[in-house]
Amino acid sequence: MKLRKELKLRQIGKDYIIVEPGQDKVDLSKVYTLNETAAWLWQQLHPQEFSKEDMVEKLLEEYEVSEEQASKDVQKLLDVFIAQNLLDKNYK
């Protein structure tokens, strides 16, 4: 799978948001927020192709967390990416 390449991660204070650049007007319905860990993972993955296993591996390398917990967290994040249409539809 792959994150949509046109999306941009921005940090505003302690908050991380994903925006769709090129909008003529600011459309807050198309701004997505991430926590610090999810934003870090986004930066690690964007814009290359990756798998769920790649995501889990990156979390295990960076954070002191069990593989089981990393896998659960990754699945929750992937569910958000899918629900918010943040993945490139050309990749599965």
N, C-alpha and C. Protein backbone atom coordinates (compact mmCIF):
# COMPACT_ATOMS: atom_id res chain seq x y z
N MET A 1 0.84 -1.17 0.00
CA MET A 1 0.00 0.00 0.00
C MET A 1 0.89 1.23 0.00
N LYS A 2 0.26 2.37 -0.16
CA LYS A 2 1.02 3.61 -0.26
C LYS A 2 0.11 4.76 0.17
N LEU A 3 0.69 5.72 0.87
CA LEU A 3 -0.05 6.92 1.25
C LEU A 3 -0.21 7.82 0.03
N ARG A 4 -1.29 8.56 -0.03
CA ARG A 4 -1.49 9.47 -1.16
C ARG A 4 -0.37 10.50 -1.18
N LYS A 5 0.33 10.59 -2.32
CA LYS A 5 1.53 11.42 -2.40
C LYS A 5 1.25 12.91 -2.31
N GLU A 6 0.05 13.35 -2.67
CA GLU A 6 -0.24 14.78 -2.65
C GLU A 6 -0.54 15.31 -1.25
N LEU A 7 -0.79 14.43 -0.29
CA LEU A 7 -1.09 14.86 1.07
C LEU A 7 0.19 15.34 1.75
N LYS A 8 0.05 16.37 2.57
CA LYS A 8 1.20 16.95 3.27
C LYS A 8 0.96 16.93 4.77
N LEU A 9 1.97 16.52 5.51
CA LEU A 9 1.93 16.53 6.96
C LEU A 9 2.50 17.86 7.44
N ARG A 10 1.76 18.54 8.30
CA ARG A 10 2.20 19.82 8.86
C ARG A 10 2.14 19.74 10.38
N GLN A 11 3.07 20.41 11.03
CA GLN A 11 3.04 20.50 12.48
C GLN A 11 2.68 21.92 12.87
N ILE A 12 1.67 22.04 13.70
CA ILE A 12 1.24 23.34 14.22
C ILE A 12 1.28 23.23 15.73
N GLY A 13 2.30 23.84 16.34
CA GLY A 13 2.51 23.67 17.77
C GLY A 13 2.82 22.21 18.05
N LYS A 14 2.03 21.61 18.92
CA LYS A 14 2.21 20.19 19.24
C LYS A 14 1.30 19.29 18.43
N ASP A 15 0.50 19.89 17.55
CA ASP A 15 -0.45 19.13 16.75
C ASP A 15 0.10 18.83 15.37
N TYR A 16 -0.27 17.68 14.85
CA TYR A 16 0.12 17.27 13.50
C TYR A 16 -1.15 17.12 12.67
N ILE A 17 -1.14 17.73 11.49
CA ILE A 17 -2.31 17.64 10.61
C ILE A 17 -1.86 17.24 9.21
N ILE A 18 -2.75 16.57 8.51
CA ILE A 18 -2.53 16.22 7.11
C ILE A 18 -3.49 17.07 6.30
N VAL A 19 -2.97 17.75 5.30
CA VAL A 19 -3.80 18.61 4.47
C VAL A 19 -3.66 18.22 3.01
N GLU A 20 -4.68 18.58 2.26
CA GLU A 20 -4.65 18.38 0.82
C GLU A 20 -4.26 19.71 0.19
N PRO A 21 -3.02 19.86 -0.27
CA PRO A 21 -2.58 21.14 -0.85
C PRO A 21 -3.32 21.43 -2.15
N GLY A 22 -3.32 22.70 -2.50
CA GLY A 22 -3.93 23.10 -3.75
C GLY A 22 -5.40 23.46 -3.62
N GLN A 23 -5.92 23.41 -2.41
CA GLN A 23 -7.31 23.81 -2.23
C GLN A 23 -7.39 25.33 -2.35
N ASP A 24 -8.38 25.84 -3.08
CA ASP A 24 -8.55 27.28 -3.20
C ASP A 24 -8.95 27.90 -1.88
N LYS A 25 -9.73 27.19 -1.11
CA LYS A 25 -10.18 27.66 0.20
C LYS A 25 -9.79 26.60 1.21
N VAL A 26 -9.64 27.02 2.45
CA VAL A 26 -9.35 26.05 3.49
C VAL A 26 -10.63 25.28 3.78
N ASP A 27 -10.58 23.99 3.59
CA ASP A 27 -11.72 23.12 3.84
C ASP A 27 -11.36 22.27 5.04
N LEU A 28 -11.86 22.64 6.22
CA LEU A 28 -11.48 21.93 7.43
C LEU A 28 -12.03 20.51 7.47
N SER A 29 -12.95 20.18 6.58
CA SER A 29 -13.43 18.80 6.52
C SER A 29 -12.39 17.90 5.85
N LYS A 30 -11.37 18.51 5.25
CA LYS A 30 -10.30 17.74 4.59
C LYS A 30 -8.96 17.94 5.28
N VAL A 31 -9.00 18.14 6.60
CA VAL A 31 -7.80 18.22 7.41
C VAL A 31 -7.89 17.09 8.42
N TYR A 32 -6.84 16.30 8.52
CA TYR A 32 -6.84 15.13 9.38
C TYR A 32 -5.75 15.29 10.43
N THR A 33 -6.04 14.94 11.66
CA THR A 33 -5.06 15.09 12.73
C THR A 33 -4.45 13.73 13.09
N LEU A 34 -3.18 13.78 13.49
CA LEU A 34 -2.47 12.59 13.93
C LEU A 34 -1.78 12.87 15.25
N ASN A 35 -1.63 11.84 16.07
CA ASN A 35 -0.83 12.03 17.27
C ASN A 35 0.65 11.97 16.89
N GLU A 36 1.51 12.21 17.85
CA GLU A 36 2.95 12.30 17.56
C GLU A 36 3.51 11.01 16.95
N THR A 37 3.10 9.86 17.49
CA THR A 37 3.60 8.59 16.98
C THR A 37 3.10 8.32 15.57
N ALA A 38 1.82 8.58 15.33
CA ALA A 38 1.26 8.38 13.99
C ALA A 38 1.92 9.32 12.99
N ALA A 39 2.20 10.56 13.41
CA ALA A 39 2.87 11.52 12.53
C ALA A 39 4.29 11.04 12.21
N TRP A 40 4.99 10.52 13.22
CA TRP A 40 6.34 9.99 12.99
C TRP A 40 6.27 8.85 11.98
N LEU A 41 5.30 7.95 12.16
CA LEU A 41 5.17 6.82 11.25
C LEU A 41 4.82 7.29 9.84
N TRP A 42 3.96 8.30 9.74
CA TRP A 42 3.62 8.88 8.42
C TRP A 42 4.90 9.35 7.72
N GLN A 43 5.74 10.06 8.46
CA GLN A 43 6.99 10.57 7.87
C GLN A 43 7.89 9.43 7.42
N GLN A 44 7.90 8.32 8.14
CA GLN A 44 8.73 7.19 7.78
C GLN A 44 8.22 6.49 6.52
N LEU A 45 6.91 6.53 6.30
CA LEU A 45 6.29 5.79 5.21
C LEU A 45 6.08 6.59 3.93
N HIS A 46 5.91 7.88 4.06
CA HIS A 46 5.56 8.73 2.92
C HIS A 46 6.80 9.05 2.12
N PRO A 47 6.89 8.86 0.85
CA PRO A 47 5.87 8.44 -0.11
C PRO A 47 6.08 7.03 -0.65
N GLN A 48 6.87 6.18 0.01
CA GLN A 48 7.16 4.87 -0.58
C GLN A 48 6.05 3.84 -0.30
N GLU A 49 6.14 2.74 -1.00
CA GLU A 49 5.22 1.62 -0.82
C GLU A 49 5.61 0.90 0.47
N PHE A 50 4.61 0.37 1.20
CA PHE A 50 4.86 -0.31 2.47
C PHE A 50 3.77 -1.34 2.73
N SER A 51 4.02 -2.18 3.71
CA SER A 51 3.04 -3.18 4.14
C SER A 51 2.75 -2.95 5.63
N LYS A 52 1.74 -3.64 6.11
CA LYS A 52 1.44 -3.57 7.54
C LYS A 52 2.65 -4.04 8.34
N GLU A 53 3.31 -5.07 7.86
CA GLU A 53 4.49 -5.60 8.54
C GLU A 53 5.61 -4.57 8.60
N ASP A 54 5.77 -3.78 7.54
CA ASP A 54 6.77 -2.70 7.55
C ASP A 54 6.45 -1.69 8.65
N MET A 55 5.17 -1.37 8.79
CA MET A 55 4.76 -0.41 9.81
C MET A 55 5.06 -0.94 11.22
N VAL A 56 4.73 -2.20 11.44
CA VAL A 56 5.00 -2.82 12.75
C VAL A 56 6.50 -2.82 13.03
N GLU A 57 7.29 -3.19 12.03
CA GLU A 57 8.74 -3.23 12.20
C GLU A 57 9.30 -1.85 12.57
N LYS A 58 8.82 -0.81 11.93
CA LYS A 58 9.29 0.54 12.24
C LYS A 58 8.96 0.93 13.68
N LEU A 59 7.74 0.59 14.12
CA LEU A 59 7.37 0.89 15.51
C LEU A 59 8.25 0.13 16.49
N LEU A 60 8.53 -1.14 16.19
CA LEU A 60 9.37 -1.95 17.08
C LEU A 60 10.80 -1.41 17.15
N GLU A 61 11.29 -0.88 16.04
CA GLU A 61 12.65 -0.32 16.02
C GLU A 61 12.75 0.98 16.80
N GLU A 62 11.67 1.76 16.80
CA GLU A 62 11.71 3.11 17.38
C GLU A 62 11.22 3.17 18.83
N TYR A 63 10.27 2.31 19.17
CA TYR A 63 9.61 2.40 20.48
C TYR A 63 9.74 1.08 21.25
N GLU A 64 9.74 1.19 22.55
CA GLU A 64 9.75 0.00 23.40
C GLU A 64 8.32 -0.45 23.58
N VAL A 65 7.90 -1.34 22.69
CA VAL A 65 6.53 -1.84 22.67
C VAL A 65 6.58 -3.28 22.19
N SER A 66 5.64 -4.10 22.67
CA SER A 66 5.59 -5.49 22.23
C SER A 66 5.12 -5.57 20.78
N GLU A 67 5.46 -6.66 20.14
CA GLU A 67 5.02 -6.86 18.76
C GLU A 67 3.49 -6.91 18.68
N GLU A 68 2.88 -7.52 19.67
CA GLU A 68 1.41 -7.60 19.71
C GLU A 68 0.79 -6.21 19.79
N GLN A 69 1.33 -5.37 20.67
CA GLN A 69 0.78 -4.01 20.81
C GLN A 69 1.05 -3.19 19.55
N ALA A 70 2.24 -3.32 18.98
CA ALA A 70 2.56 -2.59 17.75
C ALA A 70 1.60 -2.99 16.64
N SER A 71 1.32 -4.28 16.53
CA SER A 71 0.41 -4.76 15.49
C SER A 71 -1.00 -4.21 15.69
N LYS A 72 -1.47 -4.18 16.92
CA LYS A 72 -2.80 -3.62 17.21
C LYS A 72 -2.85 -2.13 16.87
N ASP A 73 -1.81 -1.41 17.26
CA ASP A 73 -1.76 0.03 17.00
C ASP A 73 -1.71 0.32 15.50
N VAL A 74 -0.94 -0.47 14.79
CA VAL A 74 -0.85 -0.29 13.34
C VAL A 74 -2.20 -0.55 12.68
N GLN A 75 -2.89 -1.58 13.12
CA GLN A 75 -4.20 -1.87 12.53
C GLN A 75 -5.18 -0.72 12.78
N LYS A 76 -5.15 -0.15 13.97
CA LYS A 76 -6.01 1.00 14.27
C LYS A 76 -5.68 2.18 13.35
N LEU A 77 -4.39 2.42 13.15
CA LEU A 77 -3.96 3.51 12.30
C LEU A 77 -4.34 3.24 10.84
N LEU A 78 -4.16 2.03 10.38
CA LEU A 78 -4.56 1.68 9.02
C LEU A 78 -6.07 1.84 8.83
N ASP A 79 -6.84 1.50 9.84
CA ASP A 79 -8.29 1.68 9.77
C ASP A 79 -8.64 3.15 9.59
N VAL A 80 -7.91 4.03 10.27
CA VAL A 80 -8.11 5.48 10.12
C VAL A 80 -7.70 5.92 8.71
N PHE A 81 -6.55 5.47 8.25
CA PHE A 81 -6.09 5.82 6.90
C PHE A 81 -7.11 5.42 5.85
N ILE A 82 -7.67 4.23 6.01
CA ILE A 82 -8.66 3.73 5.05
C ILE A 82 -9.95 4.56 5.15
N ALA A 83 -10.44 4.76 6.37
CA ALA A 83 -11.70 5.49 6.57
C ALA A 83 -11.60 6.92 6.06
N GLN A 84 -10.43 7.53 6.18
CA GLN A 84 -10.25 8.93 5.78
C GLN A 84 -9.72 9.07 4.35
N ASN A 85 -9.60 7.95 3.65
CA ASN A 85 -9.17 7.97 2.25
C ASN A 85 -7.75 8.56 2.10
N LEU A 86 -6.85 8.13 2.97
CA LEU A 86 -5.49 8.65 2.94
C LEU A 86 -4.53 7.73 2.17
N LEU A 87 -5.00 6.55 1.78
CA LEU A 87 -4.17 5.62 1.01
C LEU A 87 -4.41 5.79 -0.47
N ASP A 88 -3.36 5.62 -1.23
CA ASP A 88 -3.45 5.68 -2.68
C ASP A 88 -4.26 4.48 -3.17
N LYS A 89 -5.31 4.74 -3.89
CA LYS A 89 -6.20 3.66 -4.36
C LYS A 89 -5.53 2.76 -5.39
N ASN A 90 -4.42 3.17 -5.97
CA ASN A 90 -3.72 2.34 -6.95
C ASN A 90 -2.91 1.24 -6.29
N TYR A 91 -2.78 1.30 -4.97
CA TYR A 91 -2.01 0.28 -4.22
C TYR A 91 -2.95 -0.43 -3.28
N LYS A 92 -2.70 -1.68 -3.03
CA LYS A 92 -3.53 -2.49 -2.12
C LYS A 92 -2.71 -2.95 -0.96
